[in-house]
């Protein structure tokens, strides 16, 4: 019908006589208005081809609109005869299109980290449509946008406060006093560098680390990476779940055994994850409450015990490590930088709706994520400082220092400070419970991302959560039953779990640095040569610290020729795989050949 209207408008414009006919001269005017050149003979031939009554004119039929409408009805009727009567009101092509859209939505629901409907909307329509592939002027800082971006950093920061970290903190304070606070601060800064790179990778590519590893490495290499990541995650999850179980036992005054606390923690984890169905911001709010609970509990203990302020400041500012505190120093670094958290953060940042084709949006998102992650880790630094300072004030230089752990820490505190209005034992239990619950949820999250990313499992999120939770809970239950014979057995279990995570750390850091340094992966958001050198230096330092932890542990534990040979074989395989990943990354040649003035993040010329 639109074509009919256009033809009638054309006739009204050029039909001088108003007889609904166009002659050769009038047709010539039409051709000139359309920019088409034609001779008079060509125009006459054109008219003759369509001239039905041989009057040398083109006529517009009176019933043209009616004839076209009848033709459309005939075509529609013929289509309806080829499909069932129940579907004759809709064309097959339309039904197929709707079905295809539904299938695409189902694939998006199962394959994407966050479905489009679940993402937090931040950018308005104008900013989303603008920018395209080029750069636009950076918008001014907005507190509203910072608030909307706040959340992923909270979930990421929980790994800095899990029960394993708290045990490392209390042992460092009891054995080394305030002397390792400086190392806690610098370890947190190194952890921040790693986490910012992980967030940058997720924002700039729209995919998380496990997904990119699946595409980057060969089948055997990515299978080994996945297997080691899963083992390290299970080890971390065992620590977190048992930490929560210990907290339940403290708060129940010993009525709940460890295995019962494990079951409670496993089930209530699903309840918290269920909150995500009401929006990711609701789940982030739960984490804010849990972190706030930890901050309040440990701050209460800090001000209640009144640590020495002068010694605290000296511990923060003056680096000092002795042979007696070397093991605690290594544990502090090891507790802060965890492998599963590197995978986790690159996925969490995708909970915000960001158009990765819009460079201005990507850069703005990276800026806001950097701010919120820095603030979140500053909070974790203060909380860890509170724990170290409390146990340094109470237990440093005492006979109890070397035998203290998560299980008996609350009891020792109660013996020193008594009951009071609100017993310090329960304050410690509440903080420990908040740490265990929050870290267990993020562990389940990380397990989903790692499994889906490496194996590309197109299944529902709740089913992924069930699978990953089961993989962790079964070995946790076994450990809770087997190692719950004494406090010493749980400490031994914790040492072995730390070893498993230490083995994995190079295989999270090296792939991350490999990917953020590649222009074909990151585009213009690849890191610059200065940041690349700093990042690799941090990674090498962390790997050496973990390597020392492994060496110290196995030298103390190796007993017998067969076990020694097995350890040697595993160490050789571990070092060989690290060498393979470094060679694959091309990092050495890149840092040697790449100019510090080349384009990139934090390059010296400012590009």
Protein backbone atom coordinates (compact mmCIF):
# COMPACT_ATOMS: atom_id res chain seq x y z
CA UNK A 1 0.00 0.00 0.00
CA UNK A 2 2.92 2.32 0.55
CA UNK A 3 3.95 1.85 -3.11
CA UNK A 4 0.45 2.84 -4.26
CA UNK A 5 0.58 6.04 -2.22
CA UNK A 6 3.99 6.92 -3.66
CA UNK A 7 2.75 6.38 -7.25
CA UNK A 8 -0.31 8.54 -6.64
CA UNK A 9 1.85 11.32 -5.18
CA UNK A 10 4.14 11.14 -8.24
CA UNK A 11 1.18 11.44 -10.62
CA UNK A 12 -0.24 14.38 -8.70
CA UNK A 13 3.12 16.16 -8.96
CA UNK A 14 3.74 15.66 -12.68
CA UNK A 15 0.22 15.20 -14.09
CA UNK A 16 -0.27 18.69 -15.44
CA UNK A 17 -3.65 18.05 -17.10
CA UNK A 18 -5.08 16.16 -14.14
CA UNK A 19 -6.20 13.28 -16.37
CA UNK A 20 -4.22 10.65 -14.44
CA UNK A 21 -1.99 10.14 -17.47
CA UNK A 22 1.68 11.00 -17.99
CA UNK A 23 2.98 11.84 -21.45
CA UNK A 24 6.54 11.63 -22.78
CA UNK A 25 7.35 15.22 -21.75
CA UNK A 26 6.00 14.70 -18.26
CA UNK A 27 7.95 11.46 -17.89
CA UNK A 28 11.08 13.34 -19.00
CA UNK A 29 10.56 15.73 -16.07
CA UNK A 30 10.28 12.78 -13.70
CA UNK A 31 13.54 11.26 -14.96
CA UNK A 32 15.37 14.58 -14.57
CA UNK A 33 14.10 14.98 -11.00
CA UNK A 34 15.43 11.50 -10.20
CA UNK A 35 18.81 12.32 -11.74
CA UNK A 36 18.36 9.76 -14.54
CA UNK A 37 19.53 10.67 -18.06
CA UNK A 38 17.50 9.25 -21.00
CA UNK A 39 16.89 10.16 -24.65
CA UNK A 40 13.44 10.89 -26.04
CA UNK A 41 13.48 7.63 -28.00
CA UNK A 42 14.26 5.64 -24.82
CA UNK A 43 11.36 7.33 -23.02
CA UNK A 44 8.98 6.51 -25.87
CA UNK A 45 10.08 2.88 -25.77
CA UNK A 46 9.50 2.78 -21.99
CA UNK A 47 5.97 4.16 -22.42
CA UNK A 48 5.22 1.76 -25.25
CA UNK A 49 6.15 -1.26 -23.07
CA UNK A 50 3.61 -0.37 -20.40
CA UNK A 51 1.05 1.44 -22.56
CA UNK A 52 -2.02 -0.75 -22.54
CA UNK A 53 -4.35 1.43 -24.71
CA UNK A 54 -1.75 2.71 -27.28
CA UNK A 55 -2.38 6.40 -26.49
CA UNK A 56 1.35 7.15 -25.95
CA UNK A 57 0.70 7.85 -22.24
CA UNK A 58 1.13 6.02 -18.96
CA UNK A 59 -2.19 5.73 -17.11
CA UNK A 60 -2.74 5.25 -13.41
CA UNK A 61 -5.64 2.77 -12.96
CA UNK A 62 -8.49 4.02 -10.82
CA UNK A 63 -8.59 0.80 -8.83
CA UNK A 64 -4.83 0.38 -8.38
CA UNK A 65 -5.03 0.35 -4.57
CA UNK A 66 -7.90 -2.09 -4.62
CA UNK A 67 -6.12 -4.44 -7.03
CA UNK A 68 -2.96 -4.48 -4.90
CA UNK A 69 -4.97 -5.17 -1.75
CA UNK A 70 -6.70 -8.09 -3.47
CA UNK A 71 -3.33 -9.47 -4.55
CA UNK A 72 -2.05 -9.35 -0.97
CA UNK A 73 -5.16 -11.20 0.24
CA UNK A 74 -4.65 -13.93 -2.38
CA UNK A 75 -1.02 -14.42 -1.27
CA UNK A 76 -2.02 -14.60 2.40
CA UNK A 77 -4.74 -17.15 1.64
CA UNK A 78 -2.33 -19.35 -0.31
CA UNK A 79 0.08 -19.33 2.67
CA UNK A 80 -2.67 -20.29 5.10
CA UNK A 81 -3.58 -23.31 2.96
CA UNK A 82 -0.09 -24.79 3.51
CA UNK A 83 -0.19 -24.67 7.35
CA UNK A 84 -2.58 -26.01 10.03
CA UNK A 85 -5.90 -24.14 10.47
CA UNK A 86 -4.96 -23.23 14.04
CA UNK A 87 -1.96 -21.24 12.74
CA UNK A 88 -3.51 -19.52 9.72
CA UNK A 89 -3.51 -16.17 11.41
CA UNK A 90 0.29 -15.99 11.63
CA UNK A 91 2.85 -16.61 8.92
CA UNK A 92 5.40 -19.45 9.28
CA UNK A 93 8.27 -17.02 9.04
CA UNK A 94 7.00 -15.06 12.01
CA UNK A 95 6.54 -18.20 14.12
CA UNK A 96 10.03 -19.36 13.24
CA UNK A 97 11.41 -15.96 14.19
CA UNK A 98 9.71 -16.05 17.60
CA UNK A 99 10.93 -19.60 18.21
CA UNK A 100 14.47 -18.60 17.26
CA UNK A 101 14.36 -15.66 19.70
CA UNK A 102 13.19 -17.97 22.51
CA UNK A 103 16.00 -20.43 21.79
CA UNK A 104 18.56 -17.60 21.81
CA UNK A 105 17.23 -16.40 25.17
CA UNK A 106 17.55 -19.92 26.61
CA UNK A 107 21.13 -20.19 25.36
CA UNK A 108 21.94 -16.79 26.84
CA UNK A 109 20.42 -17.84 30.17
CA UNK A 110 22.57 -20.97 30.41
CA UNK A 111 25.78 -19.84 28.73
CA UNK A 112 26.22 -16.24 29.89
CA UNK A 113 27.71 -15.35 33.25
CA UNK A 114 24.81 -12.98 33.85
CA UNK A 115 21.69 -12.86 31.69
CA UNK A 116 20.97 -9.48 30.14
CA UNK A 117 17.85 -9.02 32.30
CA UNK A 118 19.90 -9.61 35.48
CA UNK A 119 22.58 -7.02 34.78
CA UNK A 120 22.60 -3.69 36.58
CA UNK A 121 21.76 -0.86 34.19
CA UNK A 122 24.10 2.10 34.61
CA UNK A 123 24.54 3.93 31.32
CA UNK A 124 21.59 5.77 29.80
CA UNK A 125 20.48 5.36 26.19
CA UNK A 126 22.44 8.34 24.92
CA UNK A 127 25.75 7.23 26.40
CA UNK A 128 25.12 3.62 25.37
CA UNK A 129 24.52 4.60 21.78
CA UNK A 130 27.33 7.08 21.54
CA UNK A 131 31.02 6.51 21.35
CA UNK A 132 30.93 3.47 19.09
CA UNK A 133 34.39 2.24 18.39
CA UNK A 134 36.08 5.57 19.00
CA UNK A 135 36.93 7.48 22.12
CA UNK A 136 34.61 10.13 23.49
CA UNK A 137 35.24 12.72 26.18
CA UNK A 138 35.29 11.08 29.60
CA UNK A 139 32.23 12.10 31.63
CA UNK A 140 32.75 13.76 35.02
CA UNK A 141 32.91 11.68 38.17
CA UNK A 142 29.51 10.62 39.44
CA UNK A 143 28.78 9.37 42.97
CA UNK A 144 25.63 7.74 41.63
CA UNK A 145 27.60 5.68 39.11
CA UNK A 146 30.16 4.74 41.75
CA UNK A 147 27.31 3.48 43.93
CA UNK A 148 25.90 1.41 41.04
CA UNK A 149 29.33 -0.07 40.29
CA UNK A 150 29.89 -0.91 43.96
CA UNK A 151 29.38 -4.61 44.65
CA UNK A 152 31.79 -6.89 42.76
CA UNK A 153 34.67 -5.52 44.83
CA UNK A 154 32.84 -6.49 48.02
CA UNK A 155 32.44 -10.09 46.87
CA UNK A 156 36.07 -10.20 45.73
CA UNK A 157 37.37 -8.77 49.02
CA UNK A 158 35.82 -11.61 51.03
CA UNK A 159 38.70 -13.88 49.94
CA UNK A 160 40.99 -11.57 51.94
CA UNK A 161 38.92 -12.27 55.06
CA UNK A 162 38.15 -15.99 54.91
CA UNK A 163 38.78 -18.24 57.96
CA UNK A 164 42.16 -19.31 56.55
CA UNK A 165 43.22 -15.66 56.51
CA UNK A 166 41.98 -15.11 60.04
CA UNK A 167 43.98 -18.10 61.27
CA UNK A 168 47.08 -16.75 59.54
CA UNK A 169 46.44 -13.35 61.13
CA UNK A 170 46.02 -14.63 64.67
CA UNK A 171 49.10 -16.85 64.43
CA UNK A 172 51.16 -13.99 62.98
CA UNK A 173 50.08 -11.72 65.81
CA UNK A 174 50.64 -14.31 68.53
CA UNK A 175 54.10 -15.39 67.27
CA UNK A 176 55.49 -12.27 65.55
CA UNK A 177 53.65 -9.53 67.44
CA UNK A 178 53.20 -6.32 65.45
CA UNK A 179 56.34 -6.82 63.35
CA UNK A 180 54.60 -8.21 60.23
CA UNK A 181 51.96 -5.51 59.81
CA UNK A 182 54.04 -3.88 57.07
CA UNK A 183 54.01 -7.14 55.13
CA UNK A 184 50.22 -7.37 55.50
CA UNK A 185 49.91 -3.89 53.99
CA UNK A 186 52.21 -4.58 51.02
CA UNK A 187 50.65 -8.00 50.42
CA UNK A 188 47.25 -6.33 50.20
CA UNK A 189 48.65 -3.82 47.70
CA UNK A 190 50.07 -6.66 45.60
CA UNK A 191 46.72 -8.41 45.80
CA UNK A 192 45.01 -5.21 44.64
CA UNK A 193 47.26 -5.05 41.56
CA UNK A 194 46.32 -8.62 40.63
CA UNK A 195 42.60 -8.04 41.21
CA UNK A 196 42.55 -4.83 39.16
CA UNK A 197 44.07 -6.72 36.24
CA UNK A 198 41.43 -9.42 36.63
CA UNK A 199 38.64 -6.82 36.62
CA UNK A 200 40.21 -5.10 33.60
CA UNK A 201 40.23 -8.39 31.69
CA UNK A 202 36.56 -9.05 32.41
CA UNK A 203 35.38 -5.55 31.52
CA UNK A 204 37.40 -5.11 28.32
CA UNK A 205 36.60 -8.55 26.85
CA UNK A 206 33.15 -9.26 28.25
CA UNK A 207 34.37 -12.74 29.25
CA UNK A 208 36.01 -14.11 32.36
CA UNK A 209 39.42 -15.71 32.85
CA UNK A 210 38.31 -19.35 32.68
CA UNK A 211 36.52 -18.77 29.34
CA UNK A 212 39.56 -17.06 27.83
CA UNK A 213 41.89 -19.81 29.09
CA UNK A 214 39.71 -22.34 27.27
CA UNK A 215 40.35 -20.49 24.01
CA UNK A 216 43.98 -19.60 24.66
CA UNK A 217 45.50 -22.99 25.52
CA UNK A 218 45.58 -26.43 23.96
CA UNK A 219 43.28 -29.21 25.17
CA UNK A 220 45.75 -30.84 27.55
CA UNK A 221 46.91 -27.53 29.03
CA UNK A 222 43.43 -26.21 29.72
CA UNK A 223 42.43 -29.57 31.23
CA UNK A 224 45.38 -29.35 33.65
CA UNK A 225 44.50 -25.72 34.45
CA UNK A 226 40.89 -26.66 35.13
CA UNK A 227 41.83 -29.66 37.30
CA UNK A 228 44.27 -27.64 39.41
CA UNK A 229 41.79 -24.77 39.76
CA UNK A 230 39.09 -27.15 40.96
CA UNK A 231 41.42 -28.81 43.48
CA UNK A 232 42.53 -25.44 44.86
CA UNK A 233 38.93 -24.29 45.07
CA UNK A 234 37.90 -27.42 46.98
CA UNK A 235 40.82 -26.89 49.37
CA UNK A 236 39.78 -23.29 50.00
CA UNK A 237 36.17 -24.31 50.40
CA UNK A 238 37.05 -26.92 53.02
CA UNK A 239 38.79 -24.22 55.08
CA UNK A 240 35.84 -21.87 54.74
CA UNK A 241 33.15 -24.43 55.58
CA UNK A 242 35.06 -25.81 58.56
CA UNK A 243 35.65 -22.22 59.72
CA UNK A 244 31.88 -21.66 59.70
CA UNK A 245 31.36 -24.97 61.49
CA UNK A 246 33.80 -23.92 64.23
CA UNK A 247 31.88 -20.65 64.60
CA UNK A 248 28.60 -22.55 64.99
CA UNK A 249 30.19 -24.69 67.69
CA UNK A 250 31.45 -21.60 69.53
CA UNK A 251 28.09 -19.83 69.36
CA UNK A 252 26.18 -22.99 70.40
CA UNK A 253 28.51 -23.39 73.37
CA UNK A 254 29.78 -26.71 72.06
CA UNK A 255 26.38 -28.28 71.38
CA UNK A 256 26.83 -28.45 67.60
CA UNK A 257 29.66 -30.74 66.43
CA UNK A 258 31.82 -29.81 63.45
CA UNK A 259 30.01 -32.12 61.04
CA UNK A 260 26.64 -30.56 61.91
CA UNK A 261 28.07 -27.10 61.26
CA UNK A 262 29.30 -28.31 57.88
CA UNK A 263 25.78 -29.42 56.91
CA UNK A 264 24.23 -26.13 58.07
CA UNK A 265 26.80 -24.12 56.12
CA UNK A 266 26.25 -26.20 52.98
CA UNK A 267 22.50 -25.67 53.05
CA UNK A 268 22.30 -22.01 54.04
CA UNK A 269 24.73 -21.21 51.21
CA UNK A 270 21.94 -22.08 48.74
CA UNK A 271 19.58 -19.77 50.61
CA UNK A 272 21.91 -16.81 50.15
CA UNK A 273 22.50 -17.67 46.49
CA UNK A 274 18.72 -17.81 46.04
CA UNK A 275 18.64 -14.10 46.81
CA UNK A 276 20.29 -13.48 43.44
CA UNK A 277 16.95 -14.34 41.82
CA UNK A 278 15.68 -11.05 43.26
CA UNK A 279 18.58 -9.14 41.75
CA UNK A 280 22.35 -9.21 42.08
CA UNK A 281 22.22 -6.05 44.18
CA UNK A 282 20.32 -7.93 46.89
CA UNK A 283 23.12 -10.49 47.14
CA UNK A 284 25.73 -7.74 47.20
CA UNK A 285 23.78 -6.14 50.04
CA UNK A 286 24.04 -9.38 52.03
CA UNK A 287 27.82 -9.32 51.58
CA UNK A 288 27.95 -5.71 52.73
CA UNK A 289 26.13 -6.76 55.92
CA UNK A 290 28.49 -9.72 56.49
CA UNK A 291 31.61 -7.59 55.97
CA UNK A 292 30.13 -4.94 58.25
CA UNK A 293 29.54 -7.62 60.88
CA UNK A 294 33.19 -8.68 60.68
CA UNK A 295 34.37 -5.08 60.90
CA UNK A 296 32.16 -4.39 63.93
CA UNK A 297 33.14 -7.61 65.73
CA UNK A 298 36.89 -7.31 65.28
CA UNK A 299 36.84 -3.55 65.92
CA UNK A 300 35.06 -4.27 69.22
CA UNK A 301 37.82 -6.73 70.12
CA UNK A 302 40.49 -4.23 69.02
CA UNK A 303 39.24 -1.41 71.23
CA UNK A 304 38.45 -3.81 74.06
CA UNK A 305 42.01 -5.18 74.23
CA UNK A 306 43.68 -1.76 73.65
CA UNK A 307 46.79 -2.69 71.57
CA UNK A 308 49.95 -0.58 71.84
CA UNK A 309 49.51 2.23 69.28
CA UNK A 310 53.22 3.06 69.02
CA UNK A 311 54.25 -0.53 68.33
CA UNK A 312 51.39 -0.85 65.84
CA UNK A 313 52.62 2.15 63.80
CA UNK A 314 56.21 0.89 63.89
CA UNK A 315 55.03 -2.50 62.67
CA UNK A 316 53.26 -0.83 59.75
CA UNK A 317 56.13 1.44 58.68
CA UNK A 318 59.33 -0.48 59.52
CA UNK A 319 59.98 -3.72 57.56
CA UNK A 320 61.36 -6.45 59.78
CA UNK A 321 61.51 -10.25 59.45
CA UNK A 322 63.47 -12.68 61.58
CA UNK A 323 64.18 -16.36 61.17
CA UNK A 324 61.62 -17.11 63.87
CA UNK A 325 58.84 -15.25 62.04
CA UNK A 326 59.72 -16.23 58.46
CA UNK A 327 57.05 -18.91 58.26
CA UNK A 328 54.34 -16.51 59.46
CA UNK A 329 55.54 -13.95 56.93
CA UNK A 330 55.13 -16.45 54.12
CA UNK A 331 51.67 -17.40 55.39
CA UNK A 332 50.53 -13.77 55.38
CA UNK A 333 51.44 -13.37 51.71
CA UNK A 334 49.92 -16.75 50.89
CA UNK A 335 46.64 -15.99 52.64
CA UNK A 336 46.07 -12.67 50.88
CA UNK A 337 46.52 -13.78 47.24
CA UNK A 338 44.27 -16.75 46.48
CA UNK A 339 43.97 -18.43 43.04
CA UNK A 340 40.19 -18.82 42.84
CA UNK A 341 39.72 -15.10 43.56
CA UNK A 342 41.63 -14.24 40.36
CA UNK A 343 39.07 -16.22 38.35
CA UNK A 344 36.16 -14.87 40.37
CA UNK A 345 36.71 -11.13 39.96
CA UNK A 346 36.89 -11.25 36.15
CA UNK A 347 33.37 -12.75 36.15
CA UNK A 348 31.81 -10.58 38.86
CA UNK A 349 32.45 -7.33 36.97
CA UNK A 350 30.16 -8.55 34.18
CA UNK A 351 27.13 -8.06 36.44
CA UNK A 352 26.94 -4.49 35.05
CA UNK A 353 25.56 -3.79 31.59
CA UNK A 354 28.57 -2.48 29.68
CA UNK A 355 28.87 -2.23 25.89
CA UNK A 356 32.41 -3.50 25.24
CA UNK A 357 32.31 -1.89 21.78
CA UNK A 358 32.02 1.51 23.42
CA UNK A 359 35.54 2.37 24.58
CA UNK A 360 34.37 5.29 26.67
CA UNK A 361 32.00 3.03 28.63
CA UNK A 362 34.71 0.41 29.13
CA UNK A 363 37.23 2.95 30.41
CA UNK A 364 34.66 4.51 32.71
CA UNK A 365 33.75 1.08 34.10
CA UNK A 366 37.41 0.24 34.70
CA UNK A 367 37.88 3.52 36.56
CA UNK A 368 34.90 2.97 38.86
CA UNK A 369 35.79 -0.67 39.48
CA UNK A 370 39.31 0.40 40.42
CA UNK A 371 37.94 2.82 43.01
CA UNK A 372 35.46 0.41 44.58
CA UNK A 373 37.99 -2.45 44.65
CA UNK A 374 40.58 -0.23 46.30
CA UNK A 375 38.12 0.88 48.98
CA UNK A 376 36.98 -2.71 49.58
CA UNK A 377 40.54 -3.95 50.04
CA UNK A 378 41.31 -1.01 52.32
CA UNK A 379 38.48 -2.24 54.56
CA UNK A 380 39.91 -5.77 54.52
CA UNK A 381 43.35 -4.40 55.42
CA UNK A 382 41.90 -2.66 58.47
CA UNK A 383 39.99 -5.79 59.55
CA UNK A 384 43.07 -8.01 59.19
CA UNK A 385 45.08 -5.42 61.08
CA UNK A 386 42.54 -5.54 63.92
CA UNK A 387 42.91 -9.33 64.21
CA UNK A 388 46.73 -9.30 64.18
CA UNK A 389 46.87 -6.45 66.68
CA UNK A 390 44.42 -8.15 69.08
CA UNK A 391 46.35 -11.42 69.20
CA UNK A 392 49.69 -9.59 69.31
CA UNK A 393 48.45 -7.65 72.34
CA UNK A 394 47.02 -10.70 74.12
CA UNK A 395 49.27 -13.65 73.24
CA UNK A 396 52.65 -12.39 71.94
CA UNK A 397 55.41 -13.78 74.14
CA UNK A 398 53.13 -16.20 76.01
CA UNK A 399 53.24 -19.99 76.18
CA UNK A 400 49.94 -20.21 74.34
CA UNK A 401 51.27 -18.41 71.25
CA UNK A 402 52.56 -21.43 69.34
CA UNK A 403 49.49 -23.58 69.98
CA UNK A 404 46.77 -21.10 69.07
CA UNK A 405 44.40 -21.67 66.14
CA UNK A 406 40.81 -21.13 65.01
CA UNK A 407 39.48 -23.88 67.25
CA UNK A 408 40.88 -22.65 70.57
CA UNK A 409 41.35 -18.92 69.88
CA UNK A 410 37.97 -17.95 71.32
CA UNK A 411 38.50 -20.04 74.45
CA UNK A 412 41.94 -18.49 75.04
CA UNK A 413 40.47 -14.99 74.62
CA UNK A 414 37.74 -15.75 77.15
CA UNK A 415 40.30 -17.04 79.66
CA UNK A 416 42.24 -13.77 79.38
CA UNK A 417 39.30 -11.34 79.32
CA UNK A 418 36.49 -13.23 81.03
CA UNK A 419 32.79 -12.89 80.26
CA UNK A 420 31.73 -9.29 80.66
CA UNK A 421 28.54 -7.72 79.30
CA UNK A 422 29.07 -9.35 75.91
CA UNK A 423 31.71 -12.12 76.15
CA UNK A 424 34.63 -11.74 73.75
CA UNK A 425 34.26 -15.44 72.91
CA UNK A 426 30.93 -14.77 71.19
CA UNK A 427 32.20 -11.63 69.51
CA UNK A 428 34.97 -13.73 67.99
CA UNK A 429 32.44 -16.41 67.02
CA UNK A 430 30.17 -13.90 65.24
CA UNK A 431 33.09 -12.46 63.26
CA UNK A 432 34.31 -15.92 62.35
CA UNK A 433 30.81 -16.99 61.27
CA UNK A 434 30.43 -13.93 59.03
CA UNK A 435 33.83 -14.67 57.46
CA UNK A 436 32.98 -18.32 56.87
CA UNK A 437 29.50 -17.70 55.45
CA UNK A 438 30.58 -14.96 53.04
CA UNK A 439 33.66 -16.81 51.78
CA UNK A 440 31.65 -20.02 51.29
CA UNK A 441 29.19 -18.21 49.02
CA UNK A 442 31.95 -16.64 46.94
CA UNK A 443 33.65 -20.04 46.74
CA UNK A 444 30.48 -21.51 45.26
CA UNK A 445 30.31 -18.59 42.84
CA UNK A 446 33.92 -19.12 41.77
CA UNK A 447 33.28 -22.83 41.28
CA UNK A 448 30.41 -22.10 38.91
CA UNK A 449 32.51 -19.73 36.82
CA UNK A 450 35.53 -22.04 36.69
CA UNK A 451 33.50 -25.11 35.72
CA UNK A 452 31.38 -23.31 33.13
CA UNK A 453 34.34 -21.44 31.68
CA UNK A 454 36.73 -24.36 31.20
CA UNK A 455 34.16 -27.02 30.29
CA UNK A 456 31.51 -24.80 28.63
CA UNK A 457 28.62 -26.49 30.41
CA UNK A 458 25.37 -25.06 29.04
CA UNK A 459 23.23 -25.82 32.08
CA UNK A 460 21.10 -23.75 34.41
CA UNK A 461 22.85 -21.70 37.09
CA UNK A 462 21.12 -23.48 39.96
CA UNK A 463 22.31 -26.82 38.59
CA UNK A 464 25.87 -25.54 38.25
CA UNK A 465 25.70 -24.34 41.86
CA UNK A 466 24.44 -27.75 43.00
CA UNK A 467 27.25 -29.58 41.17
CA UNK A 468 30.04 -27.33 42.40
CA UNK A 469 28.64 -27.28 45.96
CA UNK A 470 28.47 -31.07 46.02
CA UNK A 471 32.05 -31.38 44.78
CA UNK A 472 33.19 -29.35 47.78
CA UNK A 473 30.82 -30.58 50.48
CA UNK A 474 31.57 -34.31 50.06
CA UNK A 475 35.33 -33.97 50.75
CA UNK A 476 34.57 -31.39 53.46
CA UNK A 477 32.34 -33.85 55.29
CA UNK A 478 35.03 -36.52 55.04
CA UNK A 479 37.65 -34.11 56.43
CA UNK A 480 35.33 -32.96 59.21
CA UNK A 481 34.83 -36.53 60.37
CA UNK A 482 38.41 -37.77 59.92
CA UNK A 483 40.29 -34.72 61.26
CA UNK A 484 37.91 -33.76 64.07
CA UNK A 485 39.79 -35.88 66.57
CA UNK A 486 41.91 -33.06 68.03
CA UNK A 487 42.95 -29.44 67.51
CA UNK A 488 46.32 -30.60 66.18
CA UNK A 489 44.71 -32.71 63.45
CA UNK A 490 42.71 -29.72 62.19
CA UNK A 491 45.90 -27.63 62.10
CA UNK A 492 47.57 -30.39 60.05
CA UNK A 493 44.61 -30.40 57.68
CA UNK A 494 44.87 -26.64 57.31
CA UNK A 495 48.56 -26.87 56.38
CA UNK A 496 47.85 -29.43 53.65
CA UNK A 497 45.02 -27.30 52.28
CA UNK A 498 47.38 -24.31 52.10
CA UNK A 499 49.83 -26.47 50.14
CA UNK A 500 47.15 -27.36 47.58
CA UNK A 501 46.36 -23.66 47.04
CA UNK A 502 50.05 -22.81 46.85
CA UNK A 503 50.49 -25.30 44.02
CA UNK A 504 47.72 -23.58 42.01
CA UNK A 505 48.69 -19.90 42.35
CA UNK A 506 51.13 -19.75 39.36
CA UNK A 507 48.46 -21.28 37.12
CA UNK A 508 46.07 -18.44 37.87
CA UNK A 509 48.55 -15.55 37.74
CA UNK A 510 50.47 -16.50 34.58
CA UNK A 511 47.37 -16.96 32.35
CA UNK A 512 45.96 -13.67 33.68
CA UNK A 513 49.12 -11.71 32.86
CA UNK A 514 49.40 -13.47 29.50
CA UNK A 515 45.91 -12.38 28.47
CA UNK A 516 45.96 -8.78 29.72
CA UNK A 517 49.24 -8.24 27.83
CA UNK A 518 47.81 -9.40 24.47
CA UNK A 519 46.49 -6.75 22.10
CA UNK A 520 44.41 -9.31 20.17
CA UNK A 521 42.56 -10.07 23.43
CA UNK A 522 42.41 -6.65 25.09
CA UNK A 523 42.62 -4.31 22.11
CA UNK A 524 43.51 -0.80 23.19
CA UNK A 525 43.02 -1.82 26.83
CA UNK A 526 46.08 -4.06 26.99
CA UNK A 527 48.40 -3.10 29.81
CA UNK A 528 51.37 -0.91 29.01
CA UNK A 529 55.02 -1.97 29.31
CA UNK A 530 55.51 -0.36 32.73
CA UNK A 531 52.50 -2.08 34.27
CA UNK A 532 53.44 -5.30 32.51
CA UNK A 533 56.89 -5.32 34.12
CA UNK A 534 55.47 -4.42 37.55
CA UNK A 535 52.78 -7.10 37.29
CA UNK A 536 55.21 -9.83 36.30
CA UNK A 537 57.52 -8.76 39.13
CA UNK A 538 54.65 -9.11 41.61
CA UNK A 539 53.74 -12.50 40.13
CA UNK A 540 57.32 -13.77 40.35
CA UNK A 541 57.59 -12.58 43.95
CA UNK A 542 54.32 -14.28 44.92
CA UNK A 543 55.30 -17.53 43.15
CA UNK A 544 58.68 -17.53 44.95
CA UNK A 545 56.93 -17.03 48.30
CA UNK A 546 54.59 -19.92 47.60
CA UNK A 547 57.52 -21.99 46.34
CA UNK A 548 59.32 -21.41 49.62
CA UNK A 549 56.17 -22.44 51.50
CA UNK A 550 56.04 -25.69 49.52
CA UNK A 551 59.74 -26.37 50.02
CA UNK A 552 59.58 -25.72 53.75
CA UNK A 553 56.51 -27.91 54.14
CA UNK A 554 57.79 -30.90 52.18
CA UNK A 555 61.26 -30.80 53.76
CA UNK A 556 59.54 -31.18 57.12
CA UNK A 557 57.04 -33.80 55.94
CA UNK A 558 59.06 -36.00 53.55
CA UNK A 559 59.85 -39.29 55.23
CA UNK A 560 60.91 -42.29 53.18
CA UNK A 561 62.42 -42.84 49.73
CA UNK A 562 59.17 -43.53 47.91
CA UNK A 563 57.43 -40.42 49.22
CA UNK A 564 60.55 -38.37 48.48
CA UNK A 565 60.63 -39.61 44.88
CA UNK A 566 56.95 -38.79 44.45
CA UNK A 567 57.47 -35.27 45.76
CA UNK A 568 60.47 -34.79 43.45
CA UNK A 569 58.48 -35.99 40.43
CA UNK A 570 55.56 -33.66 41.23
CA UNK A 571 57.93 -30.73 41.78
CA UNK A 572 59.55 -31.33 38.40
CA UNK A 573 56.14 -31.46 36.71
CA UNK A 574 55.08 -28.28 38.53
CA UNK A 575 58.16 -26.35 37.41
CA UNK A 576 57.87 -27.69 33.85
CA UNK A 577 54.28 -26.52 33.53
CA UNK A 578 55.22 -23.07 34.82
CA UNK A 579 57.99 -22.87 32.19
CA UNK A 580 55.51 -23.93 29.49
CA UNK A 581 53.03 -21.21 30.47
CA UNK A 582 55.72 -18.53 30.57
CA UNK A 583 57.01 -19.55 27.14
CA UNK A 584 53.48 -19.57 25.77
CA UNK A 585 52.88 -16.07 27.10
CA UNK A 586 55.89 -14.60 25.27
CA UNK A 587 56.38 -12.35 28.29
CA UNK A 588 60.17 -12.39 28.24
CA UNK A 589 60.49 -11.29 24.61
CA UNK A 590 57.62 -8.82 25.01
CA UNK A 591 59.24 -7.05 27.97
CA UNK A 592 62.66 -7.01 26.30
CA UNK A 593 61.47 -5.71 22.94
CA UNK A 594 58.52 -3.51 23.89
CA UNK A 595 59.37 0.16 24.32
CA UNK A 596 58.20 1.92 27.48
CA UNK A 597 56.88 4.66 25.16
CA UNK A 598 54.51 2.31 23.32
CA UNK A 599 50.76 2.70 23.65
CA UNK A 600 49.02 1.03 26.53
CA UNK A 601 47.76 1.32 30.07
CA UNK A 602 50.12 3.51 32.14
CA UNK A 603 52.66 3.88 29.31
CA UNK A 604 55.04 6.76 29.90
CA UNK A 605 53.66 8.95 27.13
CA UNK A 606 50.22 8.87 28.75
CA UNK A 607 48.42 7.02 25.96
